[in-house]
Amino acid sequence: MPNPKRRHSKARTSSRRAHDALKSHALSECPNCHERKMPHRACPKCGYYKGREVLDVEESS
């Protein structure tokens, strides 16, 4: 099994890890209640997807 002959420098390691940061989710607007939601998913606030209600969401007030 081959092993590295020399250690990698901190700059080289940091350059490789530069793209490992987490990115925020892409959000779209719900056409029914205008809240932010994940695309291609039912709205967690109103329960609508593609113009019809698919989830029963209880009002919390």
PDB file of N, CA and C in Angstrom:
ATOM      1  N   MET A   1       0.848  -1.178   0.000  1.00  0.00           N
ATOM      2  CA  MET A   1       0.000   0.000   0.000  1.00  0.00           C
ATOM      3  C   MET A   1       0.894   1.241   0.000  1.00  0.00           C
ATOM      4  N   PRO A   2       0.746   2.121  -0.998  1.00  0.00           N
ATOM      5  CA  PRO A   2       1.617   3.305  -1.048  1.00  0.00           C
ATOM      6  C   PRO A   2       1.276   4.318   0.035  1.00  0.00           C
ATOM      7  N   ASN A   3       2.303   4.944   0.525  1.00  0.00           N
ATOM      8  CA  ASN A   3       2.152   5.992   1.537  1.00  0.00           C
ATOM      9  C   ASN A   3       2.773   7.276   1.012  1.00  0.00           C
ATOM     10  N   PRO A   4       2.267   8.448   1.467  1.00  0.00           N
ATOM     11  CA  PRO A   4       2.866   9.703   1.012  1.00  0.00           C
ATOM     12  C   PRO A   4       4.310   9.843   1.507  1.00  0.00           C
ATOM     13  N   LYS A   5       5.172  10.333   0.629  1.00  0.00           N
ATOM     14  CA  LYS A   5       6.575  10.494   0.999  1.00  0.00           C
ATOM     15  C   LYS A   5       6.803  11.776   1.779  1.00  0.00           C
ATOM     16  N   ARG A   6       6.038  12.824   1.452  1.00  0.00           N
ATOM     17  CA  ARG A   6       6.151  14.109   2.146  1.00  0.00           C
ATOM     18  C   ARG A   6       4.770  14.534   2.618  1.00  0.00           C
ATOM     19  N   ARG A   7       4.754  15.351   3.670  1.00  0.00           N
ATOM     20  CA  ARG A   7       3.470  15.855   4.171  1.00  0.00           C
ATOM     21  C   ARG A   7       2.965  16.990   3.291  1.00  0.00           C
ATOM     22  N   HIS A   8       1.645  17.149   3.235  1.00  0.00           N
ATOM     23  CA  HIS A   8       1.053  18.250   2.484  1.00  0.00           C
ATOM     24  C   HIS A   8       1.115  19.519   3.328  1.00  0.00           C
ATOM     25  N   SER A   9       1.395  20.630   2.687  1.00  0.00           N
ATOM     26  CA  SER A   9       1.488  21.898   3.412  1.00  0.00           C
ATOM     27  C   SER A   9       0.101  22.351   3.861  1.00  0.00           C
ATOM     28  N   LYS A  10       0.068  23.292   4.797  1.00  0.00           N
ATOM     29  CA  LYS A  10      -1.205  23.834   5.290  1.00  0.00           C
ATOM     30  C   LYS A  10      -1.942  24.578   4.188  1.00  0.00           C
ATOM     31  N   ALA A  11      -1.220  25.274   3.324  1.00  0.00           N
ATOM     32  CA  ALA A  11      -1.846  26.006   2.220  1.00  0.00           C
ATOM     33  C   ALA A  11      -2.514  25.045   1.238  1.00  0.00           C
ATOM     34  N   ARG A  12      -1.860  23.952   0.949  1.00  0.00           N
ATOM     35  CA  ARG A  12      -2.431  22.975   0.024  1.00  0.00           C
ATOM     36  C   ARG A  12      -3.667  22.315   0.625  1.00  0.00           C
ATOM     37  N   THR A  13      -3.607  22.008   1.903  1.00  0.00           N
ATOM     38  CA  THR A  13      -4.753  21.410   2.587  1.00  0.00           C
ATOM     39  C   THR A  13      -5.915  22.397   2.645  1.00  0.00           C
ATOM     40  N   SER A  14      -5.628  23.658   2.954  1.00  0.00           N
ATOM     41  CA  SER A  14      -6.680  24.676   3.029  1.00  0.00           C
ATOM     42  C   SER A  14      -7.294  24.936   1.666  1.00  0.00           C
ATOM     43  N   SER A  15      -6.472  24.899   0.609  1.00  0.00           N
ATOM     44  CA  SER A  15      -7.000  25.107  -0.735  1.00  0.00           C
ATOM     45  C   SER A  15      -7.949  23.990  -1.120  1.00  0.00           C
ATOM     46  N   ARG A  16      -7.637  22.778  -0.725  1.00  0.00           N
ATOM     47  CA  ARG A  16      -8.512  21.646  -1.032  1.00  0.00           C
ATOM     48  C   ARG A  16      -9.818  21.751  -0.263  1.00  0.00           C
ATOM     49  N   ARG A  17      -9.744  22.213   0.967  1.00  0.00           N
ATOM     50  CA  ARG A  17     -10.936  22.296   1.818  1.00  0.00           C
ATOM     51  C   ARG A  17     -11.756  23.567   1.595  1.00  0.00           C
ATOM     52  N   ALA A  18     -11.357  24.416   0.672  1.00  0.00           N
ATOM     53  CA  ALA A  18     -12.053  25.684   0.455  1.00  0.00           C
ATOM     54  C   ALA A  18     -13.480  25.473  -0.025  1.00  0.00           C
ATOM     55  N   HIS A  19     -13.776  24.353  -0.674  1.00  0.00           N
ATOM     56  CA  HIS A  19     -15.100  24.100  -1.225  1.00  0.00           C
ATOM     57  C   HIS A  19     -15.950  23.204  -0.317  1.00  0.00           C
ATOM     58  N   ASP A  20     -15.485  22.897   0.871  1.00  0.00           N
ATOM     59  CA  ASP A  20     -16.204  21.985   1.764  1.00  0.00           C
ATOM     60  C   ASP A  20     -17.236  22.688   2.628  1.00  0.00           C
ATOM     61  N   ALA A  21     -17.349  23.999   2.557  1.00  0.00           N
ATOM     62  CA  ALA A  21     -18.282  24.737   3.420  1.00  0.00           C
ATOM     63  C   ALA A  21     -19.723  24.404   3.019  1.00  0.00           C
ATOM     64  N   LEU A  22     -20.628  24.395   3.994  1.00  0.00           N
ATOM     65  CA  LEU A  22     -22.039  24.127   3.732  1.00  0.00           C
ATOM     66  C   LEU A  22     -22.679  25.336   3.070  1.00  0.00           C
ATOM     67  N   LYS A  23     -23.554  25.076   2.122  1.00  0.00           N
ATOM     68  CA  LYS A  23     -24.262  26.147   1.436  1.00  0.00           C
ATOM     69  C   LYS A  23     -25.698  26.190   1.920  1.00  0.00           C
ATOM     70  N   SER A  24     -26.302  27.367   1.903  1.00  0.00           N
ATOM     71  CA  SER A  24     -27.684  27.493   2.362  1.00  0.00           C
ATOM     72  C   SER A  24     -28.629  26.884   1.332  1.00  0.00           C
ATOM     73  N   HIS A  25     -29.791  26.462   1.804  1.00  0.00           N
ATOM     74  CA  HIS A  25     -30.786  25.850   0.936  1.00  0.00           C
ATOM     75  C   HIS A  25     -31.358  26.875  -0.029  1.00  0.00           C
ATOM     76  N   ALA A  26     -31.660  26.426  -1.240  1.00  0.00           N
ATOM     77  CA  ALA A  26     -32.360  27.272  -2.192  1.00  0.00           C
ATOM     78  C   ALA A  26     -33.825  27.307  -1.791  1.00  0.00           C
ATOM     79  N   LEU A  27     -34.384  28.485  -1.608  1.00  0.00           N
ATOM     80  CA  LEU A  27     -35.767  28.622  -1.182  1.00  0.00           C
ATOM     81  C   LEU A  27     -36.569  29.330  -2.254  1.00  0.00           C
ATOM     82  N   SER A  28     -37.832  28.932  -2.375  1.00  0.00           N
ATOM     83  CA  SER A  28     -38.744  29.601  -3.293  1.00  0.00           C
ATOM     84  C   SER A  28     -39.940  30.098  -2.496  1.00  0.00           C
ATOM     85  N   GLU A  29     -40.793  30.868  -3.156  1.00  0.00           N
ATOM     86  CA  GLU A  29     -41.940  31.455  -2.470  1.00  0.00           C
ATOM     87  C   GLU A  29     -43.175  30.607  -2.717  1.00  0.00           C
ATOM     88  N   CYS A  30     -43.939  30.352  -1.678  1.00  0.00           N
ATOM     89  CA  CYS A  30     -45.196  29.619  -1.799  1.00  0.00           C
ATOM     90  C   CYS A  30     -46.213  30.527  -2.495  1.00  0.00           C
ATOM     91  N   PRO A  31     -46.843  30.053  -3.583  1.00  0.00           N
ATOM     92  CA  PRO A  31     -47.811  30.913  -4.277  1.00  0.00           C
ATOM     93  C   PRO A  31     -49.098  31.128  -3.494  1.00  0.00           C
ATOM     94  N   ASN A  32     -49.351  30.286  -2.487  1.00  0.00           N
ATOM     95  CA  ASN A  32     -50.589  30.401  -1.713  1.00  0.00           C
ATOM     96  C   ASN A  32     -50.445  31.379  -0.543  1.00  0.00           C
ATOM     97  N   CYS A  33     -49.420  31.184   0.290  1.00  0.00           N
ATOM     98  CA  CYS A  33     -49.280  32.018   1.491  1.00  0.00           C
ATOM     99  C   CYS A  33     -48.068  32.946   1.432  1.00  0.00           C
ATOM    100  N   HIS A  34     -47.253  32.843   0.381  1.00  0.00           N
ATOM    101  CA  HIS A  34     -46.077  33.701   0.152  1.00  0.00           C
ATOM    102  C   HIS A  34     -45.007  33.551   1.223  1.00  0.00           C
ATOM    103  N   GLU A  35     -44.944  32.383   1.858  1.00  0.00           N
ATOM    104  CA  GLU A  35     -43.849  32.082   2.786  1.00  0.00           C
ATOM    105  C   GLU A  35     -42.724  31.407   1.999  1.00  0.00           C
ATOM    106  N   ARG A  36     -41.523  31.423   2.558  1.00  0.00           N
ATOM    107  CA  ARG A  36     -40.386  30.768   1.931  1.00  0.00           C
ATOM    108  C   ARG A  36     -40.474  29.266   2.189  1.00  0.00           C
ATOM    109  N   LYS A  37     -40.231  28.446   1.146  1.00  0.00           N
ATOM    110  CA  LYS A  37     -40.291  27.000   1.280  1.00  0.00           C
ATOM    111  C   LYS A  37     -39.270  26.361   0.354  1.00  0.00           C
ATOM    112  N   MET A  38     -38.976  25.089   0.587  1.00  0.00           N
ATOM    113  CA  MET A  38     -38.084  24.342  -0.285  1.00  0.00           C
ATOM    114  C   MET A  38     -38.805  24.072  -1.605  1.00  0.00           C
ATOM    115  N   PRO A  39     -38.109  24.161  -2.739  1.00  0.00           N
ATOM    116  CA  PRO A  39     -38.774  23.898  -4.008  1.00  0.00           C
ATOM    117  C   PRO A  39     -39.158  22.425  -4.158  1.00  0.00           C
ATOM    118  N   HIS A  40     -40.261  22.170  -4.861  1.00  0.00           N
ATOM    119  CA  HIS A  40     -40.784  20.828  -5.135  1.00  0.00           C
ATOM    120  C   HIS A  40     -41.211  20.111  -3.860  1.00  0.00           C
ATOM    121  N   ARG A  41     -41.627  20.863  -2.852  1.00  0.00           N
ATOM    122  CA  ARG A  41     -42.116  20.277  -1.606  1.00  0.00           C
ATOM    123  C   ARG A  41     -43.347  21.045  -1.156  1.00  0.00           C
ATOM    124  N   ALA A  42     -44.187  20.372  -0.371  1.00  0.00           N
ATOM    125  CA  ALA A  42     -45.379  21.030   0.145  1.00  0.00           C
ATOM    126  C   ALA A  42     -44.962  22.112   1.132  1.00  0.00           C
ATOM    127  N   CYS A  43     -45.730  23.184   1.173  1.00  0.00           N
ATOM    128  CA  CYS A  43     -45.439  24.291   2.079  1.00  0.00           C
ATOM    129  C   CYS A  43     -45.715  23.851   3.515  1.00  0.00           C
ATOM    130  N   PRO A  44     -44.752  23.989   4.428  1.00  0.00           N
ATOM    131  CA  PRO A  44     -44.993  23.580   5.810  1.00  0.00           C
ATOM    132  C   PRO A  44     -45.929  24.524   6.569  1.00  0.00           C
ATOM    133  N   LYS A  45     -46.128  25.749   6.057  1.00  0.00           N
ATOM    134  CA  LYS A  45     -46.984  26.721   6.748  1.00  0.00           C
ATOM    135  C   LYS A  45     -48.462  26.511   6.412  1.00  0.00           C
ATOM    136  N   CYS A  46     -48.780  26.321   5.110  1.00  0.00           N
ATOM    137  CA  CYS A  46     -50.191  26.214   4.711  1.00  0.00           C
ATOM    138  C   CYS A  46     -50.559  24.814   4.223  1.00  0.00           C
ATOM    139  N   GLY A  47     -49.590  23.970   3.867  1.00  0.00           N
ATOM    140  CA  GLY A  47     -49.864  22.607   3.450  1.00  0.00           C
ATOM    141  C   GLY A  47     -50.244  22.459   1.988  1.00  0.00           C
ATOM    142  N   TYR A  48     -50.044  23.492   1.177  1.00  0.00           N
ATOM    143  CA  TYR A  48     -50.428  23.434  -0.238  1.00  0.00           C
ATOM    144  C   TYR A  48     -49.233  23.039  -1.097  1.00  0.00           C
ATOM    145  N   TYR A  49     -49.535  22.307  -2.187  1.00  0.00           N
ATOM    146  CA  TYR A  49     -48.545  21.963  -3.194  1.00  0.00           C
ATOM    147  C   TYR A  49     -49.246  21.909  -4.533  1.00  0.00           C
ATOM    148  N   LYS A  50     -48.729  22.640  -5.498  1.00  0.00           N
ATOM    149  CA  LYS A  50     -49.293  22.722  -6.853  1.00  0.00           C
ATOM    150  C   LYS A  50     -50.768  23.095  -6.839  1.00  0.00           C
ATOM    151  N   GLY A  51     -51.127  24.052  -6.009  1.00  0.00           N
ATOM    152  CA  GLY A  51     -52.475  24.602  -6.010  1.00  0.00           C
ATOM    153  C   GLY A  51     -53.521  23.815  -5.248  1.00  0.00           C
ATOM    154  N   ARG A  52     -53.128  22.730  -4.591  1.00  0.00           N
ATOM    155  CA  ARG A  52     -54.114  21.979  -3.810  1.00  0.00           C
ATOM    156  C   ARG A  52     -53.530  21.625  -2.454  1.00  0.00           C
ATOM    157  N   GLU A  53     -54.402  21.400  -1.486  1.00  0.00           N
ATOM    158  CA  GLU A  53     -53.961  21.117  -0.118  1.00  0.00           C
ATOM    159  C   GLU A  53     -53.592  19.631  -0.014  1.00  0.00           C
ATOM    160  N   VAL A  54     -52.386  19.356   0.402  1.00  0.00           N
ATOM    161  CA  VAL A  54     -51.931  17.977   0.539  1.00  0.00           C
ATOM    162  C   VAL A  54     -51.574  17.622   1.986  1.00  0.00           C
ATOM    163  N   LEU A  55     -51.428  18.624   2.850  1.00  0.00           N
ATOM    164  CA  LEU A  55     -51.127  18.392   4.262  1.00  0.00           C
ATOM    165  C   LEU A  55     -52.163  19.098   5.135  1.00  0.00           C
ATOM    166  N   ASP A  56     -52.519  18.455   6.229  1.00  0.00           N
ATOM    167  CA  ASP A  56     -53.375  19.092   7.217  1.00  0.00           C
ATOM    168  C   ASP A  56     -52.475  19.811   8.213  1.00  0.00           C
ATOM    169  N   VAL A  57     -52.490  21.141   8.178  1.00  0.00           N
ATOM    170  CA  VAL A  57     -51.646  21.944   9.069  1.00  0.00           C
ATOM    171  C   VAL A  57     -52.554  22.604  10.101  1.00  0.00           C
ATOM    172  N   GLU A  58     -52.224  22.351  11.372  1.00  0.00           N
ATOM    173  CA  GLU A  58     -53.011  22.949  12.454  1.00  0.00           C
ATOM    174  C   GLU A  58     -52.539  24.372  12.714  1.00  0.00           C
ATOM    175  N   GLU A  59     -53.466  25.257  12.998  1.00  0.00           N
ATOM    176  CA  GLU A  59     -53.129  26.639  13.320  1.00  0.00           C
ATOM    177  C   GLU A  59     -52.592  26.697  14.743  1.00  0.00           C
ATOM    178  N   SER A  60     -51.424  27.271  14.917  1.00  0.00           N
ATOM    179  CA  SER A  60     -50.833  27.412  16.259  1.00  0.00           C
ATOM    180  C   SER A  60     -50.903  28.881  16.665  1.00  0.00           C
ATOM    181  N   SER A  61     -51.905  29.205  17.498  1.00  0.00           N
ATOM    182  CA  SER A  61     -52.028  30.577  17.948  1.00  0.00           C
ATOM    183  C   SER A  61     -52.371  30.641  19.415  1.00  0.00           C
TER     184      SER A  61
END
